[in-house]
Amino acid sequence: MPFKNNPAVLSAIVSASIEGFALRKQSDYLLDFFKTRIKNQQPAPIEIAYYSGAIFASLLYWRENDYQYSAAELAEHLAEKIKNDLLQTGEKIF
């Protein structure tokens, strides 16, 4: 998460109106992450888009609410939600 050490990066993305670009890059990252690090679980491209959108919307919410959670708390919460979602499909990922 590039915002971990510098949440102002998210504000710069919003100020520059490049949210779409950032979302596409994040989706590419997630696709690569699943291909290289979680080889026994490959979500469909539509699922990658869903997770990426959810993560990005959560980041925007985090920003709009003055970063009320730590980056670690946010990352842990999002990872747990995605993990639970994938486990509901009956597929093992972690």
N, C-alpha and C. Protein backbone atom coordinates (compact mmCIF):
# COMPACT_ATOMS: atom_id res chain seq x y z
N MET A 1 0.86 -1.17 0.00
CA MET A 1 0.00 0.00 0.00
C MET A 1 0.91 1.23 0.00
N PRO A 2 0.94 1.97 -1.10
CA PRO A 2 1.86 3.11 -1.17
C PRO A 2 1.50 4.23 -0.20
N PHE A 3 0.35 4.17 0.42
CA PHE A 3 -0.09 5.24 1.32
C PHE A 3 0.32 4.96 2.75
N LYS A 4 0.95 3.81 2.98
CA LYS A 4 1.29 3.39 4.34
C LYS A 4 2.14 4.41 5.07
N ASN A 5 3.19 4.87 4.43
CA ASN A 5 4.10 5.78 5.11
C ASN A 5 3.81 7.24 4.81
N ASN A 6 2.94 7.51 3.84
CA ASN A 6 2.67 8.89 3.47
C ASN A 6 1.24 9.02 2.94
N PRO A 7 0.27 9.16 3.85
CA PRO A 7 -1.12 9.27 3.42
C PRO A 7 -1.39 10.48 2.53
N ALA A 8 -0.50 11.45 2.51
CA ALA A 8 -0.69 12.63 1.66
C ALA A 8 -0.65 12.27 0.18
N VAL A 9 -0.08 11.12 -0.14
CA VAL A 9 -0.05 10.67 -1.54
C VAL A 9 -1.48 10.52 -2.06
N LEU A 10 -2.36 9.97 -1.24
CA LEU A 10 -3.76 9.81 -1.65
C LEU A 10 -4.40 11.16 -1.91
N SER A 11 -4.12 12.13 -1.08
CA SER A 11 -4.65 13.48 -1.30
C SER A 11 -4.14 14.06 -2.61
N ALA A 12 -2.89 13.79 -2.94
CA ALA A 12 -2.32 14.28 -4.20
C ALA A 12 -3.00 13.62 -5.39
N ILE A 13 -3.29 12.34 -5.29
CA ILE A 13 -3.99 11.63 -6.37
C ILE A 13 -5.36 12.25 -6.61
N VAL A 14 -6.08 12.52 -5.53
CA VAL A 14 -7.41 13.11 -5.64
C VAL A 14 -7.31 14.53 -6.18
N SER A 15 -6.37 15.31 -5.68
CA SER A 15 -6.20 16.69 -6.13
C SER A 15 -5.86 16.76 -7.61
N ALA A 16 -5.09 15.79 -8.09
CA ALA A 16 -4.69 15.77 -9.50
C ALA A 16 -5.74 15.12 -10.40
N SER A 17 -6.81 14.62 -9.80
CA SER A 17 -7.90 13.96 -10.55
C SER A 17 -7.40 12.78 -11.38
N ILE A 18 -6.53 11.98 -10.77
CA ILE A 18 -6.02 10.81 -11.49
C ILE A 18 -6.44 9.51 -10.80
N GLU A 19 -7.62 9.53 -10.18
CA GLU A 19 -8.10 8.36 -9.49
C GLU A 19 -8.24 7.15 -10.43
N GLY A 20 -8.72 7.40 -11.65
CA GLY A 20 -8.87 6.30 -12.61
C GLY A 20 -7.54 5.66 -12.95
N PHE A 21 -6.53 6.47 -13.15
CA PHE A 21 -5.19 5.95 -13.44
C PHE A 21 -4.69 5.13 -12.26
N ALA A 22 -4.84 5.66 -11.04
CA ALA A 22 -4.38 4.96 -9.85
C ALA A 22 -5.13 3.64 -9.67
N LEU A 23 -6.42 3.65 -9.94
CA LEU A 23 -7.22 2.43 -9.82
C LEU A 23 -6.77 1.37 -10.82
N ARG A 24 -6.48 1.77 -12.05
CA ARG A 24 -5.99 0.81 -13.04
C ARG A 24 -4.65 0.22 -12.63
N LYS A 25 -3.76 1.05 -12.12
CA LYS A 25 -2.46 0.57 -11.66
C LYS A 25 -2.61 -0.39 -10.49
N GLN A 26 -3.53 -0.05 -9.59
CA GLN A 26 -3.78 -0.91 -8.45
C GLN A 26 -4.35 -2.25 -8.91
N SER A 27 -5.25 -2.23 -9.87
CA SER A 27 -5.82 -3.48 -10.41
C SER A 27 -4.73 -4.33 -11.05
N ASP A 28 -3.83 -3.71 -11.78
CA ASP A 28 -2.71 -4.44 -12.38
C ASP A 28 -1.85 -5.07 -11.29
N TYR A 29 -1.61 -4.32 -10.21
CA TYR A 29 -0.82 -4.83 -9.10
C TYR A 29 -1.50 -6.05 -8.47
N LEU A 30 -2.81 -5.96 -8.23
CA LEU A 30 -3.52 -7.09 -7.62
C LEU A 30 -3.50 -8.32 -8.52
N LEU A 31 -3.67 -8.13 -9.80
CA LEU A 31 -3.61 -9.25 -10.73
C LEU A 31 -2.25 -9.93 -10.65
N ASP A 32 -1.19 -9.13 -10.65
CA ASP A 32 0.16 -9.67 -10.54
C ASP A 32 0.38 -10.34 -9.19
N PHE A 33 -0.15 -9.73 -8.13
CA PHE A 33 -0.02 -10.28 -6.78
C PHE A 33 -0.59 -11.69 -6.72
N PHE A 34 -1.80 -11.87 -7.22
CA PHE A 34 -2.42 -13.18 -7.19
C PHE A 34 -1.66 -14.18 -8.07
N LYS A 35 -1.17 -13.74 -9.20
CA LYS A 35 -0.44 -14.64 -10.10
C LYS A 35 0.89 -15.10 -9.51
N THR A 36 1.57 -14.22 -8.80
CA THR A 36 2.92 -14.54 -8.34
C THR A 36 3.00 -14.98 -6.88
N ARG A 37 2.07 -14.53 -6.05
CA ARG A 37 2.21 -14.81 -4.62
C ARG A 37 1.16 -15.76 -4.06
N ILE A 38 0.03 -15.86 -4.72
CA ILE A 38 -1.02 -16.77 -4.25
C ILE A 38 -1.41 -17.63 -5.44
N LYS A 39 -0.52 -18.52 -5.79
CA LYS A 39 -0.65 -19.27 -7.03
C LYS A 39 -1.80 -20.27 -7.04
N ASN A 40 -2.25 -20.72 -5.87
CA ASN A 40 -3.32 -21.71 -5.85
C ASN A 40 -4.71 -21.07 -5.89
N GLN A 41 -4.77 -19.75 -5.99
CA GLN A 41 -6.07 -19.04 -6.04
C GLN A 41 -5.98 -17.92 -7.06
N GLN A 42 -6.73 -18.04 -8.10
CA GLN A 42 -6.73 -17.01 -9.14
C GLN A 42 -8.15 -16.48 -9.32
N PRO A 43 -8.45 -15.36 -8.69
CA PRO A 43 -9.78 -14.77 -8.90
C PRO A 43 -9.95 -14.39 -10.38
N ALA A 44 -11.18 -14.41 -10.82
CA ALA A 44 -11.50 -13.99 -12.18
C ALA A 44 -11.19 -12.49 -12.31
N PRO A 45 -10.89 -12.03 -13.52
CA PRO A 45 -10.61 -10.60 -13.71
C PRO A 45 -11.69 -9.68 -13.14
N ILE A 46 -12.95 -10.10 -13.22
CA ILE A 46 -14.03 -9.27 -12.67
C ILE A 46 -13.92 -9.17 -11.15
N GLU A 47 -13.43 -10.24 -10.52
CA GLU A 47 -13.23 -10.21 -9.08
C GLU A 47 -12.06 -9.28 -8.71
N ILE A 48 -11.02 -9.31 -9.52
CA ILE A 48 -9.90 -8.40 -9.30
C ILE A 48 -10.40 -6.95 -9.37
N ALA A 49 -11.23 -6.66 -10.36
CA ALA A 49 -11.78 -5.31 -10.49
C ALA A 49 -12.62 -4.95 -9.26
N TYR A 50 -13.38 -5.91 -8.79
CA TYR A 50 -14.22 -5.70 -7.60
C TYR A 50 -13.36 -5.39 -6.37
N TYR A 51 -12.35 -6.22 -6.13
CA TYR A 51 -11.48 -6.01 -4.97
C TYR A 51 -10.73 -4.69 -5.08
N SER A 52 -10.24 -4.39 -6.26
CA SER A 52 -9.50 -3.15 -6.46
C SER A 52 -10.39 -1.95 -6.19
N GLY A 53 -11.60 -1.98 -6.71
CA GLY A 53 -12.55 -0.89 -6.47
C GLY A 53 -12.89 -0.74 -5.01
N ALA A 54 -13.09 -1.86 -4.33
CA ALA A 54 -13.41 -1.82 -2.90
C ALA A 54 -12.24 -1.25 -2.10
N ILE A 55 -11.04 -1.66 -2.44
CA ILE A 55 -9.86 -1.15 -1.74
C ILE A 55 -9.72 0.35 -1.98
N PHE A 56 -9.87 0.77 -3.23
CA PHE A 56 -9.70 2.19 -3.53
C PHE A 56 -10.78 3.03 -2.87
N ALA A 57 -12.03 2.55 -2.88
CA ALA A 57 -13.11 3.28 -2.22
C ALA A 57 -12.84 3.37 -0.71
N SER A 58 -12.29 2.32 -0.14
CA SER A 58 -11.96 2.34 1.28
C SER A 58 -10.85 3.35 1.57
N LEU A 59 -9.88 3.43 0.67
CA LEU A 59 -8.81 4.43 0.83
C LEU A 59 -9.37 5.84 0.77
N LEU A 60 -10.30 6.07 -0.15
CA LEU A 60 -10.92 7.40 -0.23
C LEU A 60 -11.72 7.71 1.03
N TYR A 61 -12.44 6.71 1.52
CA TYR A 61 -13.18 6.88 2.77
C TYR A 61 -12.22 7.21 3.91
N TRP A 62 -11.12 6.49 3.97
CA TRP A 62 -10.09 6.69 4.99
C TRP A 62 -9.60 8.13 4.96
N ARG A 63 -9.32 8.63 3.76
CA ARG A 63 -8.85 10.00 3.59
C ARG A 63 -9.91 11.01 4.03
N GLU A 64 -11.15 10.78 3.58
CA GLU A 64 -12.23 11.72 3.88
C GLU A 64 -12.55 11.77 5.37
N ASN A 65 -12.17 10.74 6.10
CA ASN A 65 -12.42 10.68 7.53
C ASN A 65 -11.14 10.87 8.34
N ASP A 66 -10.24 11.67 7.79
CA ASP A 66 -9.02 12.10 8.47
C ASP A 66 -8.15 10.94 8.97
N TYR A 67 -8.08 9.87 8.16
CA TYR A 67 -7.17 8.75 8.46
C TYR A 67 -7.35 8.26 9.90
N GLN A 68 -8.62 8.05 10.27
CA GLN A 68 -8.93 7.70 11.66
C GLN A 68 -8.40 6.33 12.08
N TYR A 69 -8.02 5.50 11.14
CA TYR A 69 -7.39 4.21 11.45
C TYR A 69 -5.94 4.27 11.00
N SER A 70 -5.13 3.43 11.60
CA SER A 70 -3.75 3.35 11.11
C SER A 70 -3.75 2.62 9.78
N ALA A 71 -2.70 2.80 9.02
CA ALA A 71 -2.58 2.09 7.74
C ALA A 71 -2.60 0.58 7.97
N ALA A 72 -1.97 0.13 9.05
CA ALA A 72 -1.94 -1.30 9.36
C ALA A 72 -3.35 -1.82 9.65
N GLU A 73 -4.14 -1.06 10.40
CA GLU A 73 -5.51 -1.48 10.70
C GLU A 73 -6.35 -1.56 9.42
N LEU A 74 -6.21 -0.56 8.58
CA LEU A 74 -6.95 -0.55 7.33
C LEU A 74 -6.56 -1.73 6.45
N ALA A 75 -5.27 -1.96 6.30
CA ALA A 75 -4.79 -3.07 5.47
C ALA A 75 -5.26 -4.40 6.03
N GLU A 76 -5.19 -4.57 7.34
CA GLU A 76 -5.63 -5.82 7.96
C GLU A 76 -7.11 -6.05 7.73
N HIS A 77 -7.91 -5.01 7.90
CA HIS A 77 -9.35 -5.12 7.70
C HIS A 77 -9.69 -5.51 6.26
N LEU A 78 -9.07 -4.84 5.31
CA LEU A 78 -9.35 -5.13 3.90
C LEU A 78 -8.87 -6.53 3.52
N ALA A 79 -7.70 -6.91 3.99
CA ALA A 79 -7.19 -8.25 3.69
C ALA A 79 -8.11 -9.32 4.26
N GLU A 80 -8.61 -9.10 5.45
CA GLU A 80 -9.53 -10.07 6.08
C GLU A 80 -10.84 -10.17 5.29
N LYS A 81 -11.35 -9.04 4.84
CA LYS A 81 -12.60 -9.05 4.05
C LYS A 81 -12.40 -9.83 2.75
N ILE A 82 -11.30 -9.58 2.07
CA ILE A 82 -11.04 -10.28 0.80
C ILE A 82 -10.82 -11.76 1.06
N LYS A 83 -10.07 -12.09 2.08
CA LYS A 83 -9.82 -13.48 2.42
C LYS A 83 -11.14 -14.20 2.71
N ASN A 84 -11.99 -13.59 3.53
CA ASN A 84 -13.28 -14.21 3.85
C ASN A 84 -14.15 -14.38 2.61
N ASP A 85 -14.13 -13.40 1.75
CA ASP A 85 -14.90 -13.47 0.51
C ASP A 85 -14.44 -14.65 -0.34
N LEU A 86 -13.14 -14.78 -0.50
CA LEU A 86 -12.60 -15.87 -1.31
C LEU A 86 -12.83 -17.22 -0.66
N LEU A 87 -12.78 -17.28 0.66
CA LEU A 87 -13.02 -18.54 1.36
C LEU A 87 -14.47 -18.98 1.22
N GLN A 88 -15.39 -18.03 1.09
CA GLN A 88 -16.81 -18.38 0.91
C GLN A 88 -17.04 -19.10 -0.41
N THR A 89 -16.14 -18.90 -1.35
CA THR A 89 -16.28 -19.61 -2.62
C THR A 89 -15.79 -21.03 -2.50
N GLY A 90 -15.25 -21.39 -1.33
CA GLY A 90 -14.77 -22.73 -1.11
C GLY A 90 -13.35 -22.95 -1.59
N GLU A 91 -12.69 -21.89 -1.99
CA GLU A 91 -11.33 -22.02 -2.49
C GLU A 91 -10.36 -21.56 -1.42
N LYS A 92 -9.27 -22.26 -1.30
CA LYS A 92 -8.26 -21.98 -0.29
C LYS A 92 -7.24 -20.98 -0.84
N ILE A 93 -6.94 -19.92 -0.08
CA ILE A 93 -5.96 -18.95 -0.56
C ILE A 93 -4.79 -18.75 0.39
N PHE A 94 -5.01 -18.80 1.67
CA PHE A 94 -3.93 -18.53 2.62
C PHE A 94 -3.68 -19.74 3.48
